[in-house]
Protein backbone atom coordinates (compact mmCIF):
# COMPACT_ATOMS: atom_id res chain seq x y z
CA MET A 1 16.39 14.01 -12.88
CA PRO A 2 19.07 11.34 -13.95
CA GLU A 3 20.53 9.38 -10.71
CA GLU A 4 23.62 10.48 -12.18
CA MET A 5 23.94 13.89 -13.05
CA ASP A 6 27.17 15.76 -14.48
CA TYR A 7 28.36 18.99 -12.59
CA ILE A 8 27.60 22.27 -14.24
CA GLU A 9 30.86 24.51 -13.79
CA PRO A 10 30.18 27.82 -12.47
CA GLU A 11 32.20 29.50 -15.45
CA GLU A 12 29.39 28.15 -18.15
CA ASP A 13 26.77 31.15 -19.30
CA LYS A 14 24.84 31.82 -16.62
CA ALA A 15 21.68 31.41 -18.63
CA VAL A 16 22.36 28.37 -19.76
CA VAL A 17 22.93 26.89 -16.29
CA ASN A 18 19.72 28.40 -15.62
CA SER A 19 17.92 26.63 -17.81
CA ILE A 20 19.59 23.20 -17.27
CA ALA A 21 19.14 23.20 -13.65
CA GLU A 22 15.46 24.24 -14.06
CA ILE A 23 14.52 21.76 -16.43
CA ASN A 24 16.14 19.05 -13.86
CA LEU A 25 14.54 20.37 -10.82
CA ILE A 26 11.05 20.64 -12.62
CA GLU A 27 11.33 16.61 -13.52
CA THR A 28 12.25 16.19 -10.07
CA LEU A 29 9.60 17.55 -8.55
CA ILE A 30 7.43 15.77 -10.81
CA TYR A 31 8.80 12.90 -9.91
CA MET A 32 8.64 13.35 -6.69
CA SER A 33 4.75 15.05 -6.81
CA ASN A 34 3.63 12.07 -8.81
CA LEU A 35 4.81 9.08 -6.17
CA LEU A 36 3.05 11.71 -3.27
CA LEU A 37 -0.05 11.23 -4.77
CA ASP A 38 0.69 7.16 -5.38
CA GLU A 39 1.17 7.48 -1.36
CA ILE A 40 -1.57 9.22 -0.86
CA ARG A 41 -3.85 7.23 -3.14
CA GLU A 42 -2.61 3.92 -1.68
CA SER A 43 -3.70 5.39 1.95
CA ILE A 44 -6.85 6.19 0.59
CA GLY A 45 -7.90 2.82 -0.95
CA ILE A 46 -6.23 1.48 2.23
CA LEU A 47 -9.36 2.38 4.06
CA GLU A 48 -11.81 1.39 1.57
CA LYS A 49 -10.96 -2.42 1.98
CA PRO A 50 -12.91 -4.04 4.79
CA ILE A 51 -9.96 -4.53 6.63
CA ILE A 52 -6.80 -2.78 7.30
CA ARG A 53 -3.58 -4.83 7.08
CA MET A 54 0.00 -3.77 8.06
CA ASP A 55 0.98 -5.86 4.82
CA ASP A 56 -1.17 -2.98 2.82
CA ILE A 57 0.75 -0.07 4.69
CA ALA A 58 3.66 -1.53 3.92
CA ASN A 59 3.36 -0.60 0.61
CA VAL A 60 2.51 3.28 1.93
CA ARG A 61 6.12 2.93 3.28
CA LYS A 62 7.89 1.71 -0.16
CA LEU A 63 6.50 4.60 -1.89
CA LYS A 64 7.96 7.13 0.94
CA GLU A 65 11.14 5.43 0.57
CA LYS A 66 11.24 6.41 -2.68
CA ILE A 67 10.21 9.89 -2.35
CA GLU A 68 13.50 9.97 0.45
CA GLU A 69 15.49 8.46 -1.91
CA GLN A 70 14.83 10.94 -4.32
CA LYS A 71 14.82 14.37 -2.41
CA GLU A 72 18.35 12.79 -1.28
CA ARG A 73 19.52 12.37 -4.79
CA ALA A 74 17.74 16.13 -5.61
CA MET A 75 19.37 17.81 -2.34
CA GLU A 76 23.42 16.50 -3.60
CA TYR A 77 22.68 18.30 -7.25
CA LEU A 78 21.01 21.51 -5.64
CA VAL A 79 24.45 21.73 -3.32
CA ARG A 80 26.64 21.27 -6.54
CA LEU A 81 25.10 24.26 -8.55
CA PRO A 82 26.50 27.48 -8.34
CA ALA A 83 25.33 30.10 -5.70
CA GLY A 84 22.75 32.93 -6.93
CA LEU A 85 19.91 30.97 -8.57
CA ILE A 86 16.75 31.67 -7.53
CA MET A 87 15.85 27.68 -7.64
CA LYS A 88 18.84 27.07 -4.89
CA ASP A 89 16.36 29.08 -2.11
CA THR A 90 12.87 27.80 -3.91
CA PHE A 91 13.36 24.45 -5.16
CA GLY A 92 14.80 23.03 -1.99
CA PRO A 93 12.13 24.02 0.53
CA LEU A 94 9.67 22.44 -2.23
CA ILE A 95 11.80 18.96 -2.25
CA LEU A 96 11.65 18.82 1.42
CA GLY A 97 8.17 20.09 1.81
CA LEU A 98 7.19 17.21 -0.42
CA THR A 99 9.08 14.60 1.71
CA ASN A 100 7.72 15.75 4.74
CA VAL A 101 4.13 15.34 3.34
CA SER A 102 4.73 11.71 2.91
CA GLN A 103 5.84 11.19 5.95
CA TYR A 104 3.69 12.49 7.38
CA VAL A 105 1.05 10.42 5.78
CA ASP A 106 3.26 7.59 6.36
CA GLY A 107 2.97 8.07 9.87
CA SER A 108 -0.59 8.11 9.96
CA MET A 109 -0.95 4.91 8.09
CA TYR A 110 1.36 3.14 10.34
CA ARG A 111 -0.69 4.25 13.79
CA LEU A 112 -4.35 3.00 11.53
CA GLY A 113 -2.54 0.21 11.44
CA LEU A 114 -1.55 -0.18 15.03
CA LEU A 115 -4.84 0.63 16.07
CA ALA A 116 -6.42 -2.13 13.03
CA GLU A 117 -4.86 -4.95 14.96
CA LYS A 118 -6.35 -4.33 18.07
CA ASN A 119 -9.57 -3.91 15.96
CA LYS A 120 -10.00 -0.41 16.94
CA VAL A 121 -10.67 1.72 13.99
CA GLY A 122 -14.33 3.28 14.38
CA ASN A 123 -16.05 4.24 11.24
CA LYS A 124 -15.50 8.07 12.01
CA LEU A 125 -12.45 7.79 12.28
CA SER A 126 -12.03 5.86 9.33
CA ASN A 127 -14.39 8.25 7.44
CA VAL A 128 -12.63 11.62 8.94
CA THR A 129 -9.29 10.02 7.67
CA LYS A 130 -10.35 9.16 4.56
CA ARG A 131 -11.32 12.45 4.11
CA LEU A 132 -8.59 14.41 4.89
CA LEU A 133 -6.73 12.17 3.03
CA SER A 134 -8.93 13.11 -0.08
CA LEU A 135 -8.12 16.70 0.56
CA LEU A 136 -4.73 16.37 1.26
CA TYR A 137 -4.89 14.70 -2.38
CA ASP A 138 -6.49 16.59 -4.35
CA GLN A 139 -3.46 19.94 -2.61
CA ILE A 140 -0.98 18.01 -4.29
CA ASP A 141 -2.49 17.28 -7.42
CA TYR A 142 -2.86 21.07 -8.06
CA LEU A 143 0.47 21.68 -7.31
CA ASN A 144 1.42 18.92 -9.60
CA LYS A 145 -0.65 20.42 -12.52
CA ALA A 146 0.88 23.44 -11.51
CA ILE A 147 4.59 22.45 -11.56
CA LYS A 148 3.94 20.28 -15.01
CA VAL A 149 2.27 23.16 -16.71
CA ILE A 150 5.10 26.37 -15.33
CA GLN A 151 7.34 26.28 -18.60
CA ARG A 152 4.82 26.22 -21.37
CA ASP A 153 1.96 28.39 -19.24
CA PRO A 154 2.59 30.30 -15.70
CA PHE A 155 -0.38 31.81 -15.46
CA ARG A 156 -2.34 28.77 -15.69
CA ALA A 157 0.22 27.54 -12.78
CA LEU A 158 -0.36 30.39 -11.16
CA LYS A 159 -4.22 29.47 -10.87
CA MET A 160 -3.30 26.17 -9.99
CA ILE A 161 -1.29 27.01 -7.02
CA LYS A 162 -3.86 29.48 -5.68
CA GLU A 163 -6.38 26.44 -5.40
CA SER A 164 -3.76 24.24 -3.51
CA ILE A 165 -3.42 26.89 -1.23
CA TYR A 166 -7.19 27.32 -0.61
CA LEU A 167 -7.95 23.67 0.20
CA GLU A 168 -5.46 24.19 3.46
CA ASP A 169 -8.62 25.91 4.43
CA LYS A 170 -10.73 23.18 4.02
CA VAL A 171 -8.51 20.41 5.62
CA ASP A 172 -8.55 22.58 9.16
CA LYS A 173 -12.02 23.08 8.90
CA GLU A 174 -12.51 19.20 8.22
CA TYR A 175 -9.92 18.54 11.08
CA ARG A 176 -11.15 20.56 14.19
CA SER A 177 -14.76 20.20 13.21
CA ASN A 178 -14.33 16.31 13.33
CA LEU A 179 -11.73 16.20 16.38
CA TYR A 180 -14.13 15.83 19.39
CA ASP A 181 -16.15 13.42 17.90
CA VAL A 182 -13.62 11.32 16.40
CA LEU A 183 -12.06 11.05 19.68
CA SER A 184 -15.15 10.22 21.54
CA GLU A 185 -14.89 7.69 19.69
CA SER A 186 -11.86 6.47 21.51
CA LYS A 187 -12.11 3.60 24.37
CA THR A 188 -8.81 4.18 25.92
CA PRO A 189 -6.47 6.93 26.10
CA ALA A 190 -3.81 4.87 24.21
CA CYS A 191 -6.51 4.61 21.50
CA ALA A 192 -7.03 8.64 21.68
CA ILE A 193 -3.78 9.74 21.30
CA LEU A 194 -2.90 7.35 18.08
CA THR A 195 -6.30 8.77 17.13
CA TRP A 196 -4.88 12.67 17.51
CA GLU A 197 -2.06 11.84 16.16
CA ILE A 198 -3.39 10.17 12.75
CA LEU A 199 -5.60 13.14 12.34
CA GLY A 200 -3.00 15.79 13.76
CA ASN A 201 -0.49 14.54 10.95
CA LEU A 202 -3.14 14.99 8.08
CA GLU A 203 -3.36 18.35 9.07
CA ASP A 204 0.15 19.21 9.33
CA ALA A 205 0.51 17.62 6.21
CA SER A 206 -1.61 20.11 4.51
CA ASP A 207 0.34 22.89 6.35
CA ILE A 208 3.61 21.94 4.66
CA ALA A 209 1.73 21.53 1.37
CA LYS A 210 0.67 24.69 1.35
CA ASP A 211 4.25 26.13 2.57
CA ALA A 212 5.51 23.96 -0.64
CA ALA A 213 2.54 25.69 -2.52
CA GLU A 214 3.75 29.24 -1.61
CA TYR A 215 7.31 28.27 -2.35
CA PHE A 216 6.50 27.22 -5.95
CA LYS A 217 4.22 30.49 -6.10
CA TYR A 218 7.18 32.75 -5.58
CA PHE A 219 9.19 31.08 -8.31
CA VAL A 220 5.80 31.22 -11.12
CA LEU A 221 5.25 34.83 -9.90
CA HIS A 222 8.98 35.37 -11.48
CA LYS A 223 7.84 34.01 -14.93
CA VAL A 224 4.40 35.64 -15.49
């Protein structure tokens, strides 16, 4: 979606308004979900390095800020659209959902950086965080693919959405089955709190990604 977008007057033909708005908003979602995939990929890469540095985590923050900037432009565009369009109710929560996932990933990585500065990132925390991020990446990737094919193949989009929704359960199981062991690795209450927040943020991010996929599923069902 261009940074500067002309206002679509309400008296224009409804089908034309619908079509233009849909194209613009789908392009926005593709751009935002691509940025989010970059953010998660960057986070996984940091965990694969021998040393976690705050300078590297700053790159995650920059991607989050780009997503937030795009969110602001997209929401301003949504407000200007005529009332009654289905995408106003569907795309708003989707845009906010992708932004919130990004914020949770950034929050986890910042806390990981705090622990790394004190040399308090244990192997269990590193491995479980990486697995949760990888599952979250796949979850967003399926949603991204669904958004990309919605206009030419809504049935395939629906299949991709179902895969995205399914992965939330795997994230939840990974989180619950490892939480105690990872917390047990912490040597101080402060480290335990940060560890809990790191994993909890990613579990929450997966829940939000599932909700976003459900919103998009509602939109896709009008296409099939």
